[in-house]
Amino acid sequence: GGRLLIAAGQSNIAASNEAAAGGDLTVDPRIRFWNGTTWVTCDVGSASLNWASQPGRNNIAFQAAKQALREGVPCVYVVLDAHPGNTIDQWIPNASTGTNGPNMTSLLTKVSAAMGAAEIALAGITGASGFIWGQGENNGGASFDFEAYKARWDWIKVKLRAQSWFPATTPITALSMPPQFSSRVMDR
């Protein structure tokens, strides 16, 4: 069957650096991105992507999907949820209301809608095959608080693993973390 990849974070998760070295940038109809209402081919400039800021094909999720195809996966579906310039606080609950942060709400809404699309059932997909996190530089710098970031990151992981579409075995990959102590955040 197919695979579902979920990618979330700041703008770098949707990196649109077409000129970057490496990576196969060829459009492949077996890689489909969720545009909020339907699955579409990731083709830069396509109005069907329905994103305010069009991602490039040279983003980590597209390249991960390409690798899955090379390994024999017949089709890959990607939910990409990028929020330029946001700190991790936009994903965690509001301290006064307890409701999800706006970016977590966005992510959960997109994935739930995508999971309800007929293509997912036809591809035999019952949950996420991988989660890619690309956030951190807006939390970095001299004032970086390791314990505070780790607590927020741990909450995000617990929230994701509580979703029916996020099996406990789903691998999580972080590609952009605060520059100081990033390995300590992931290794705990």
N, C-alpha and C. Protein backbone atom coordinates (compact mmCIF):
# COMPACT_ATOMS: atom_id res chain seq x y z
N GLY A 1 0.81 -1.20 0.00
CA GLY A 1 0.00 0.00 0.00
C GLY A 1 0.84 1.25 0.00
N GLY A 2 0.17 2.36 0.06
CA GLY A 2 0.85 3.65 0.04
C GLY A 2 1.28 4.09 1.42
N ARG A 3 1.86 5.27 1.48
CA ARG A 3 2.31 5.86 2.74
C ARG A 3 1.78 7.27 2.88
N LEU A 4 1.58 7.65 4.14
CA LEU A 4 1.20 9.03 4.46
C LEU A 4 2.33 9.65 5.26
N LEU A 5 2.88 10.74 4.74
CA LEU A 5 3.89 11.52 5.44
C LEU A 5 3.27 12.83 5.89
N ILE A 6 3.58 13.24 7.10
CA ILE A 6 3.10 14.51 7.63
C ILE A 6 4.32 15.36 7.92
N ALA A 7 4.31 16.60 7.45
CA ALA A 7 5.41 17.52 7.69
C ALA A 7 4.84 18.82 8.25
N ALA A 8 5.41 19.28 9.36
CA ALA A 8 4.90 20.50 10.00
C ALA A 8 6.05 21.32 10.54
N GLY A 9 5.81 22.61 10.69
CA GLY A 9 6.81 23.49 11.27
C GLY A 9 6.75 24.88 10.68
N GLN A 10 7.91 25.52 10.64
CA GLN A 10 8.04 26.87 10.08
C GLN A 10 8.18 26.77 8.57
N SER A 11 8.53 27.87 7.94
CA SER A 11 8.59 27.92 6.49
C SER A 11 9.62 26.95 5.90
N ASN A 12 10.67 26.63 6.67
CA ASN A 12 11.70 25.75 6.11
C ASN A 12 11.20 24.34 5.84
N ILE A 13 10.09 23.95 6.43
CA ILE A 13 9.53 22.62 6.14
C ILE A 13 8.99 22.59 4.70
N ALA A 14 8.66 23.75 4.16
CA ALA A 14 8.15 23.85 2.79
C ALA A 14 9.19 24.49 1.88
N ALA A 15 10.46 24.39 2.25
CA ALA A 15 11.54 25.06 1.52
C ALA A 15 11.31 25.03 0.02
N SER A 16 11.34 26.19 -0.57
CA SER A 16 11.09 26.28 -2.00
C SER A 16 12.35 26.71 -2.73
N ASN A 17 13.44 26.10 -2.36
CA ASN A 17 14.72 26.42 -2.97
C ASN A 17 14.97 25.50 -4.15
N GLU A 18 14.39 25.84 -5.28
CA GLU A 18 14.51 25.01 -6.48
C GLU A 18 15.96 24.90 -6.95
N ALA A 19 16.79 25.89 -6.62
CA ALA A 19 18.16 25.90 -7.11
C ALA A 19 19.11 25.13 -6.19
N ALA A 20 18.62 24.65 -5.07
CA ALA A 20 19.50 23.94 -4.13
C ALA A 20 20.09 22.70 -4.80
N ALA A 21 21.32 22.44 -4.46
CA ALA A 21 21.99 21.28 -5.04
C ALA A 21 21.38 19.99 -4.52
N GLY A 22 21.31 19.01 -5.38
CA GLY A 22 20.83 17.69 -4.98
C GLY A 22 19.33 17.56 -5.05
N GLY A 23 18.91 16.33 -5.01
CA GLY A 23 17.48 16.06 -5.03
C GLY A 23 16.93 15.96 -6.42
N ASP A 24 16.03 15.04 -6.61
CA ASP A 24 15.34 14.85 -7.88
C ASP A 24 14.10 15.73 -7.85
N LEU A 25 14.04 16.74 -8.70
CA LEU A 25 12.93 17.69 -8.70
C LEU A 25 11.85 17.34 -9.72
N THR A 26 11.94 16.18 -10.33
CA THR A 26 10.96 15.76 -11.32
C THR A 26 9.60 15.55 -10.68
N VAL A 27 8.56 16.13 -11.27
CA VAL A 27 7.19 15.91 -10.80
C VAL A 27 6.85 14.44 -10.98
N ASP A 28 6.24 13.84 -9.99
CA ASP A 28 5.84 12.44 -10.07
C ASP A 28 4.39 12.32 -9.61
N PRO A 29 3.50 11.85 -10.46
CA PRO A 29 2.08 11.77 -10.09
C PRO A 29 1.79 10.81 -8.94
N ARG A 30 2.78 9.98 -8.57
CA ARG A 30 2.58 9.07 -7.45
C ARG A 30 2.82 9.76 -6.10
N ILE A 31 3.28 11.01 -6.15
CA ILE A 31 3.42 11.82 -4.94
C ILE A 31 2.31 12.86 -4.96
N ARG A 32 1.48 12.81 -3.92
CA ARG A 32 0.31 13.69 -3.86
C ARG A 32 0.37 14.51 -2.58
N PHE A 33 0.08 15.80 -2.70
CA PHE A 33 0.04 16.70 -1.56
C PHE A 33 -1.41 17.11 -1.30
N TRP A 34 -1.77 17.22 -0.02
CA TRP A 34 -3.11 17.65 0.37
C TRP A 34 -3.16 19.17 0.26
N ASN A 35 -4.14 19.69 -0.49
CA ASN A 35 -4.26 21.14 -0.64
C ASN A 35 -5.38 21.74 0.21
N GLY A 36 -5.92 20.96 1.10
CA GLY A 36 -7.00 21.44 1.97
C GLY A 36 -8.35 20.88 1.59
N THR A 37 -8.48 20.45 0.32
CA THR A 37 -9.74 19.86 -0.13
C THR A 37 -9.57 18.58 -0.93
N THR A 38 -8.40 18.41 -1.53
CA THR A 38 -8.16 17.24 -2.36
C THR A 38 -6.66 16.96 -2.47
N TRP A 39 -6.32 15.80 -3.00
CA TRP A 39 -4.93 15.42 -3.23
C TRP A 39 -4.52 15.88 -4.61
N VAL A 40 -3.38 16.58 -4.70
CA VAL A 40 -2.90 17.11 -5.97
C VAL A 40 -1.42 16.78 -6.15
N THR A 41 -0.98 16.83 -7.41
CA THR A 41 0.43 16.65 -7.72
C THR A 41 1.19 17.88 -7.25
N CYS A 42 2.37 17.67 -6.66
CA CYS A 42 3.20 18.78 -6.19
C CYS A 42 3.93 19.36 -7.39
N ASP A 43 3.30 20.34 -8.02
CA ASP A 43 3.88 20.98 -9.19
C ASP A 43 3.93 22.48 -8.92
N VAL A 44 5.11 23.01 -8.77
CA VAL A 44 5.28 24.43 -8.45
C VAL A 44 4.55 25.29 -9.47
N GLY A 45 3.82 26.27 -8.98
CA GLY A 45 3.08 27.17 -9.84
C GLY A 45 1.66 26.68 -10.10
N SER A 46 1.34 25.49 -9.68
CA SER A 46 0.00 24.95 -9.89
C SER A 46 -0.98 25.60 -8.93
N ALA A 47 -2.03 26.19 -9.45
CA ALA A 47 -3.04 26.82 -8.60
C ALA A 47 -3.75 25.78 -7.74
N SER A 48 -3.70 24.51 -8.14
CA SER A 48 -4.41 23.48 -7.40
C SER A 48 -3.80 23.21 -6.02
N LEU A 49 -2.55 23.66 -5.79
CA LEU A 49 -1.96 23.47 -4.47
C LEU A 49 -2.68 24.30 -3.42
N ASN A 50 -3.23 25.44 -3.81
CA ASN A 50 -4.09 26.24 -2.93
C ASN A 50 -3.36 26.69 -1.67
N TRP A 51 -2.09 27.06 -1.79
CA TRP A 51 -1.33 27.59 -0.66
C TRP A 51 -1.00 29.04 -0.91
N ALA A 52 -1.02 29.84 0.15
CA ALA A 52 -0.66 31.25 0.00
C ALA A 52 0.80 31.37 -0.45
N SER A 53 1.65 30.53 0.08
CA SER A 53 3.06 30.52 -0.30
C SER A 53 3.35 29.15 -0.89
N GLN A 54 3.47 29.07 -2.19
CA GLN A 54 3.67 27.78 -2.87
C GLN A 54 4.97 27.14 -2.43
N PRO A 55 4.94 25.89 -2.01
CA PRO A 55 6.20 25.23 -1.66
C PRO A 55 6.93 24.80 -2.92
N GLY A 56 8.20 24.65 -2.81
CA GLY A 56 8.96 24.12 -3.93
C GLY A 56 8.99 22.61 -3.84
N ARG A 57 9.38 21.97 -4.94
CA ARG A 57 9.50 20.51 -4.90
C ARG A 57 10.73 20.10 -4.11
N ASN A 58 11.66 21.02 -3.91
CA ASN A 58 12.87 20.65 -3.19
C ASN A 58 12.67 20.88 -1.69
N ASN A 59 11.58 20.35 -1.16
CA ASN A 59 11.37 20.39 0.29
C ASN A 59 11.57 18.98 0.83
N ILE A 60 11.78 18.88 2.12
CA ILE A 60 12.14 17.60 2.73
C ILE A 60 11.05 16.55 2.54
N ALA A 61 9.79 16.94 2.60
CA ALA A 61 8.71 15.96 2.45
C ALA A 61 8.68 15.39 1.03
N PHE A 62 8.87 16.26 0.03
CA PHE A 62 8.89 15.79 -1.36
C PHE A 62 10.06 14.82 -1.56
N GLN A 63 11.22 15.17 -1.03
CA GLN A 63 12.38 14.30 -1.18
C GLN A 63 12.22 12.99 -0.41
N ALA A 64 11.58 13.04 0.76
CA ALA A 64 11.30 11.80 1.51
C ALA A 64 10.34 10.92 0.71
N ALA A 65 9.36 11.54 0.06
CA ALA A 65 8.42 10.79 -0.77
C ALA A 65 9.15 10.15 -1.96
N LYS A 66 10.06 10.91 -2.56
CA LYS A 66 10.85 10.36 -3.67
C LYS A 66 11.63 9.12 -3.21
N GLN A 67 12.21 9.20 -2.02
CA GLN A 67 12.97 8.07 -1.49
C GLN A 67 12.07 6.86 -1.28
N ALA A 68 10.87 7.09 -0.76
CA ALA A 68 9.93 5.99 -0.55
C ALA A 68 9.59 5.32 -1.88
N LEU A 69 9.42 6.10 -2.94
CA LEU A 69 9.15 5.52 -4.26
C LEU A 69 10.33 4.67 -4.73
N ARG A 70 11.55 5.17 -4.51
CA ARG A 70 12.73 4.40 -4.89
C ARG A 70 12.81 3.07 -4.13
N GLU A 71 12.24 3.05 -2.92
CA GLU A 71 12.24 1.83 -2.11
C GLU A 71 11.08 0.90 -2.44
N GLY A 72 10.26 1.28 -3.43
CA GLY A 72 9.19 0.41 -3.88
C GLY A 72 7.79 0.74 -3.38
N VAL A 73 7.64 1.80 -2.63
CA VAL A 73 6.31 2.21 -2.19
C VAL A 73 5.55 2.71 -3.42
N PRO A 74 4.32 2.24 -3.65
CA PRO A 74 3.63 2.60 -4.88
C PRO A 74 3.13 4.04 -4.96
N CYS A 75 2.81 4.65 -3.83
CA CYS A 75 2.33 6.03 -3.83
C CYS A 75 2.54 6.64 -2.44
N VAL A 76 2.78 7.96 -2.43
CA VAL A 76 3.02 8.66 -1.17
C VAL A 76 2.13 9.89 -1.12
N TYR A 77 1.42 10.03 -0.02
CA TYR A 77 0.56 11.18 0.24
C TYR A 77 1.21 12.03 1.32
N VAL A 78 1.24 13.35 1.11
CA VAL A 78 1.93 14.25 2.03
C VAL A 78 0.97 15.34 2.51
N VAL A 79 0.90 15.50 3.82
CA VAL A 79 0.21 16.65 4.41
C VAL A 79 1.30 17.57 4.91
N LEU A 80 1.37 18.77 4.34
CA LEU A 80 2.38 19.76 4.69
C LEU A 80 1.69 20.94 5.36
N ASP A 81 2.14 21.29 6.57
CA ASP A 81 1.52 22.39 7.32
C ASP A 81 2.63 23.31 7.81
N ALA A 82 2.93 24.36 7.03
CA ALA A 82 4.03 25.27 7.33
C ALA A 82 3.50 26.62 7.81
N HIS A 83 4.17 27.15 8.83
CA HIS A 83 3.79 28.44 9.42
C HIS A 83 5.04 29.30 9.57
N PRO A 84 5.33 30.15 8.58
CA PRO A 84 6.57 30.93 8.59
C PRO A 84 6.76 31.77 9.85
N GLY A 85 7.97 31.70 10.39
CA GLY A 85 8.36 32.58 11.49
C GLY A 85 7.73 32.30 12.84
N ASN A 86 7.07 31.17 13.02
CA ASN A 86 6.38 30.90 14.28
C ASN A 86 7.26 30.18 15.29
N THR A 87 7.11 30.54 16.54
CA THR A 87 7.78 29.82 17.61
C THR A 87 6.97 28.58 17.95
N ILE A 88 7.54 27.71 18.74
CA ILE A 88 6.87 26.47 19.13
C ILE A 88 5.59 26.76 19.94
N ASP A 89 5.53 27.94 20.54
CA ASP A 89 4.35 28.30 21.34
C ASP A 89 3.06 28.32 20.53
N GLN A 90 3.18 28.46 19.21
CA GLN A 90 1.98 28.47 18.35
C GLN A 90 1.38 27.08 18.18
N TRP A 91 2.07 26.05 18.65
CA TRP A 91 1.56 24.67 18.56
C TRP A 91 0.99 24.18 19.89
N ILE A 92 1.44 24.75 20.99
CA ILE A 92 1.04 24.23 22.31
C ILE A 92 -0.25 24.91 22.79
N PRO A 93 -0.90 24.37 23.83
CA PRO A 93 -2.17 24.94 24.29
C PRO A 93 -2.01 26.36 24.82
N ASN A 94 -3.07 27.11 24.64
CA ASN A 94 -3.16 28.45 25.21
C ASN A 94 -3.24 28.31 26.73
N ALA A 95 -2.38 29.02 27.43
CA ALA A 95 -2.30 28.89 28.90
C ALA A 95 -3.61 29.26 29.59
N SER A 96 -4.34 30.24 29.05
CA SER A 96 -5.57 30.68 29.73
C SER A 96 -6.80 29.85 29.34
N THR A 97 -6.85 29.35 28.10
CA THR A 97 -8.04 28.61 27.67
C THR A 97 -7.84 27.10 27.62
N GLY A 98 -6.58 26.67 27.50
CA GLY A 98 -6.29 25.24 27.40
C GLY A 98 -6.54 24.67 26.02
N THR A 99 -6.98 25.50 25.08
CA THR A 99 -7.23 25.01 23.72
C THR A 99 -5.91 24.90 22.96
N ASN A 100 -5.89 24.05 21.94
CA ASN A 100 -4.70 23.89 21.12
C ASN A 100 -4.25 25.22 20.56
N GLY A 101 -2.94 25.36 20.37
CA GLY A 101 -2.44 26.53 19.67
C GLY A 101 -2.94 26.51 18.24
N PRO A 102 -2.95 27.66 17.57
CA PRO A 102 -3.51 27.74 16.21
C PRO A 102 -2.81 26.82 15.21
N ASN A 103 -1.51 26.62 15.36
CA ASN A 103 -0.81 25.75 14.40
C ASN A 103 -1.12 24.28 14.63
N MET A 104 -1.30 23.88 15.88
CA MET A 104 -1.71 22.49 16.15
C MET A 104 -3.12 22.26 15.63
N THR A 105 -3.99 23.23 15.83
CA THR A 105 -5.36 23.13 15.30
C THR A 105 -5.32 22.98 13.79
N SER A 106 -4.51 23.78 13.13
CA SER A 106 -4.37 23.71 11.68
C SER A 106 -3.89 22.32 11.25
N LEU A 107 -2.86 21.83 11.90
CA LEU A 107 -2.31 20.52 11.55
C LEU A 107 -3.33 19.40 11.75
N LEU A 108 -3.98 19.37 12.91
CA LEU A 108 -4.95 18.30 13.19
C LEU A 108 -6.13 18.36 12.22
N THR A 109 -6.56 19.56 11.88
CA THR A 109 -7.68 19.72 10.94
C THR A 109 -7.29 19.22 9.56
N LYS A 110 -6.11 19.60 9.08
CA LYS A 110 -5.66 19.17 7.75
C LYS A 110 -5.52 17.65 7.68
N VAL A 111 -4.86 17.06 8.67
CA VAL A 111 -4.64 15.62 8.60
C VAL A 111 -5.96 14.86 8.72
N SER A 112 -6.84 15.29 9.59
CA SER A 112 -8.13 14.61 9.72
C SER A 112 -8.92 14.66 8.42
N ALA A 113 -8.93 15.82 7.77
CA ALA A 113 -9.64 15.95 6.49
C ALA A 113 -8.98 15.07 5.43
N ALA A 114 -7.65 15.09 5.37
CA ALA A 114 -6.93 14.28 4.39
C ALA A 114 -7.19 12.79 4.59
N MET A 115 -7.23 12.36 5.85
CA MET A 115 -7.48 10.95 6.15
C MET A 115 -8.87 10.51 5.70
N GLY A 116 -9.79 11.45 5.60
CA GLY A 116 -11.15 11.13 5.17
C GLY A 116 -11.33 11.04 3.66
N ALA A 117 -10.29 11.40 2.91
CA ALA A 117 -10.38 11.36 1.45
C ALA A 117 -10.35 9.91 0.96
N ALA A 118 -11.11 9.64 -0.08
CA ALA A 118 -11.23 8.28 -0.61
C ALA A 118 -9.89 7.68 -1.03
N GLU A 119 -8.99 8.50 -1.53
CA GLU A 119 -7.70 7.99 -2.01
C GLU A 119 -6.91 7.29 -0.90
N ILE A 120 -7.06 7.78 0.32
CA ILE A 120 -6.32 7.20 1.45
C ILE A 120 -6.79 5.76 1.70
N ALA A 121 -8.09 5.56 1.72
CA ALA A 121 -8.62 4.21 1.91
C ALA A 121 -8.23 3.30 0.75
N LEU A 122 -8.32 3.81 -0.47
CA LEU A 122 -7.96 3.02 -1.65
C LEU A 122 -6.49 2.62 -1.65
N ALA A 123 -5.64 3.47 -1.07
CA ALA A 123 -4.20 3.17 -1.00
C ALA A 123 -3.87 2.26 0.18
N GLY A 124 -4.88 1.92 0.97
CA GLY A 124 -4.65 1.03 2.11
C GLY A 124 -3.96 1.71 3.29
N ILE A 125 -4.06 3.03 3.37
CA ILE A 125 -3.40 3.79 4.43
C ILE A 125 -4.34 3.93 5.61
N THR A 126 -3.87 3.56 6.78
CA THR A 126 -4.69 3.70 8.00
C THR A 126 -4.10 4.70 8.98
N GLY A 127 -2.89 5.16 8.73
CA GLY A 127 -2.25 6.12 9.62
C GLY A 127 -0.96 6.65 9.03
N ALA A 128 -0.35 7.55 9.76
CA ALA A 128 0.89 8.18 9.31
C ALA A 128 2.03 7.18 9.28
N SER A 129 2.85 7.28 8.24
CA SER A 129 4.05 6.45 8.13
C SER A 129 5.27 7.19 8.65
N GLY A 130 5.15 8.50 8.80
CA GLY A 130 6.25 9.30 9.29
C GLY A 130 5.82 10.72 9.54
N PHE A 131 6.50 11.37 10.49
CA PHE A 131 6.24 12.77 10.81
C PHE A 131 7.56 13.51 10.78
N ILE A 132 7.60 14.63 10.04
CA ILE A 132 8.81 15.43 9.92
C ILE A 132 8.53 16.80 10.55
N TRP A 133 9.35 17.16 11.52
CA TRP A 133 9.22 18.43 12.25
C TRP A 133 10.32 19.37 11.79
N GLY A 134 9.95 20.56 11.31
CA GLY A 134 10.92 21.55 10.86
C GLY A 134 10.65 22.89 11.51
N GLN A 135 10.96 23.01 12.76
CA GLN A 135 10.74 24.25 13.51
C GLN A 135 11.87 24.41 14.50
N GLY A 136 12.22 25.63 14.81
CA GLY A 136 13.21 25.80 15.86
C GLY A 136 14.02 27.07 15.80
N GLU A 137 14.32 27.55 14.59
CA GLU A 137 15.20 28.71 14.56
C GLU A 137 14.60 29.94 15.24
N ASN A 138 13.27 30.05 15.29
CA ASN A 138 12.66 31.18 15.98
C ASN A 138 12.68 31.01 17.49
N ASN A 139 13.15 29.87 17.98
CA ASN A 139 13.32 29.66 19.41
C ASN A 139 14.79 29.63 19.80
N GLY A 140 15.68 29.76 18.85
CA GLY A 140 17.10 29.65 19.12
C GLY A 140 17.70 30.94 19.62
N GLY A 141 19.01 30.97 19.66
CA GLY A 141 19.73 32.16 20.07
C GLY A 141 20.18 32.10 21.52
N ALA A 142 20.72 33.19 21.97
CA ALA A 142 21.31 33.26 23.31
C ALA A 142 20.29 33.03 24.42
N SER A 143 19.03 33.35 24.17
CA SER A 143 18.02 33.20 25.22
C SER A 143 17.31 31.85 25.19
N PHE A 144 17.82 30.92 24.38
CA PHE A 144 17.17 29.61 24.27
C PHE A 144 17.08 28.93 25.63
N ASP A 145 15.88 28.48 25.97
CA ASP A 145 15.62 27.79 27.23
C ASP A 145 15.35 26.32 26.91
N PHE A 146 16.36 25.49 27.12
CA PHE A 146 16.26 24.08 26.78
C PHE A 146 15.07 23.39 27.44
N GLU A 147 14.91 23.55 28.73
CA GLU A 147 13.85 22.85 29.46
C GLU A 147 12.46 23.29 28.98
N ALA A 148 12.30 24.57 28.71
CA ALA A 148 11.00 25.07 28.22
C ALA A 148 10.69 24.51 26.84
N TYR A 149 11.69 24.51 25.94
CA TYR A 149 11.46 23.98 24.59
C TYR A 149 11.15 22.48 24.67
N LYS A 150 11.92 21.76 25.46
CA LYS A 150 11.72 20.32 25.59
C LYS A 150 10.32 20.01 26.10
N ALA A 151 9.83 20.77 27.07
CA ALA A 151 8.48 20.55 27.59
C ALA A 151 7.43 20.78 26.51
N ARG A 152 7.62 21.78 25.69
CA ARG A 152 6.67 22.05 24.60
C ARG A 152 6.74 20.95 23.53
N TRP A 153 7.95 20.55 23.18
CA TRP A 153 8.14 19.49 22.19
C TRP A 153 7.53 18.18 22.70
N ASP A 154 7.72 17.86 23.96
CA ASP A 154 7.14 16.65 24.54
C ASP A 154 5.61 16.70 24.46
N TRP A 155 5.01 17.87 24.70
CA TRP A 155 3.56 18.00 24.60
C TRP A 155 3.10 17.72 23.17
N ILE A 156 3.83 18.25 22.19
CA ILE A 156 3.47 18.03 20.79
C ILE A 156 3.51 16.54 20.46
N LYS A 157 4.54 15.85 20.89
CA LYS A 157 4.65 14.41 20.62
C LYS A 157 3.49 13.65 21.27
N VAL A 158 3.14 13.98 22.50
CA VAL A 158 2.02 13.32 23.18
C VAL A 158 0.72 13.60 22.43
N LYS A 159 0.51 14.83 22.00
CA LYS A 159 -0.71 15.20 21.27
C LYS A 159 -0.80 14.42 19.96
N LEU A 160 0.30 14.33 19.24
CA LEU A 160 0.28 13.58 17.98
C LEU A 160 -0.02 12.11 18.22
N ARG A 161 0.65 11.52 19.19
CA ARG A 161 0.47 10.09 19.45
C ARG A 161 -0.92 9.75 19.98
N ALA A 162 -1.66 10.76 20.40
CA ALA A 162 -3.03 10.53 20.86
C ALA A 162 -4.04 10.48 19.70
N GLN A 163 -3.59 10.79 18.50
CA GLN A 163 -4.49 10.80 17.34
C GLN A 163 -4.63 9.39 16.77
N SER A 164 -5.83 9.06 16.33
CA SER A 164 -6.08 7.72 15.79
C SER A 164 -5.25 7.46 14.53
N TRP A 165 -4.88 8.48 13.80
CA TRP A 165 -4.10 8.34 12.57
C TRP A 165 -2.59 8.40 12.82
N PHE A 166 -2.17 8.42 14.08
CA PHE A 166 -0.75 8.49 14.41
C PHE A 166 -0.36 7.30 15.26
N PRO A 167 -0.07 6.15 14.63
CA PRO A 167 0.30 4.96 15.40
C PRO A 167 1.49 5.23 16.31
N ALA A 168 1.56 4.52 17.42
CA ALA A 168 2.65 4.69 18.38
C ALA A 168 4.02 4.42 17.75
N THR A 169 4.04 3.67 16.67
CA THR A 169 5.31 3.33 16.01
C THR A 169 5.73 4.34 14.94
N THR A 170 4.95 5.38 14.74
CA THR A 170 5.27 6.36 13.71
C THR A 170 6.59 7.05 14.03
N PRO A 171 7.56 6.96 13.11
CA PRO A 171 8.83 7.64 13.36
C PRO A 171 8.67 9.16 13.25
N ILE A 172 9.39 9.86 14.11
CA ILE A 172 9.41 11.32 14.10
C ILE A 172 10.83 11.76 13.78
N THR A 173 10.94 12.64 12.78
CA THR A 173 12.23 13.19 12.38
C THR A 173 12.19 14.69 12.56
N ALA A 174 13.21 15.25 13.18
CA ALA A 174 13.31 16.71 13.33
C ALA A 174 14.46 17.20 12.49
N LEU A 175 14.19 18.16 11.60
CA LEU A 175 15.24 18.65 10.74
C LEU A 175 15.69 20.05 11.11
N SER A 176 14.94 20.74 11.90
CA SER A 176 15.34 22.08 12.29
C SER A 176 14.92 22.31 13.72
N MET A 177 15.89 22.39 14.58
CA MET A 177 15.64 22.59 16.00
C MET A 177 16.44 23.81 16.44
N PRO A 178 16.20 24.29 17.65
CA PRO A 178 17.02 25.40 18.13
C PRO A 178 18.49 24.99 18.06
N PRO A 179 19.35 25.90 17.66
CA PRO A 179 20.75 25.54 17.46
C PRO A 179 21.46 24.99 18.70
N GLN A 180 21.16 25.51 19.86
CA GLN A 180 21.81 25.01 21.06
C GLN A 180 21.05 23.81 21.60
N PHE A 181 21.73 22.77 21.93
CA PHE A 181 21.15 21.61 22.62
C PHE A 181 20.15 20.81 21.80
N SER A 182 20.11 20.96 20.48
CA SER A 182 19.07 20.29 19.71
C SER A 182 19.11 18.77 19.88
N SER A 183 20.28 18.18 19.95
CA SER A 183 20.32 16.73 20.10
C SER A 183 19.78 16.31 21.47
N ARG A 184 19.94 17.13 22.47
CA ARG A 184 19.41 16.80 23.80
C ARG A 184 17.89 16.80 23.80
N VAL A 185 17.27 17.67 23.00
CA VAL A 185 15.80 17.70 22.93
C VAL A 185 15.29 16.39 22.32
N MET A 186 15.94 15.94 21.24
CA MET A 186 15.48 14.74 20.55
C MET A 186 15.81 13.46 21.27
N ASP A 187 16.92 13.41 21.97
CA ASP A 187 17.39 12.18 22.57
C ASP A 187 16.67 11.83 23.87
N ARG A 188 15.88 12.69 24.38
CA ARG A 188 15.21 12.41 25.66
C ARG A 188 13.88 11.75 25.45
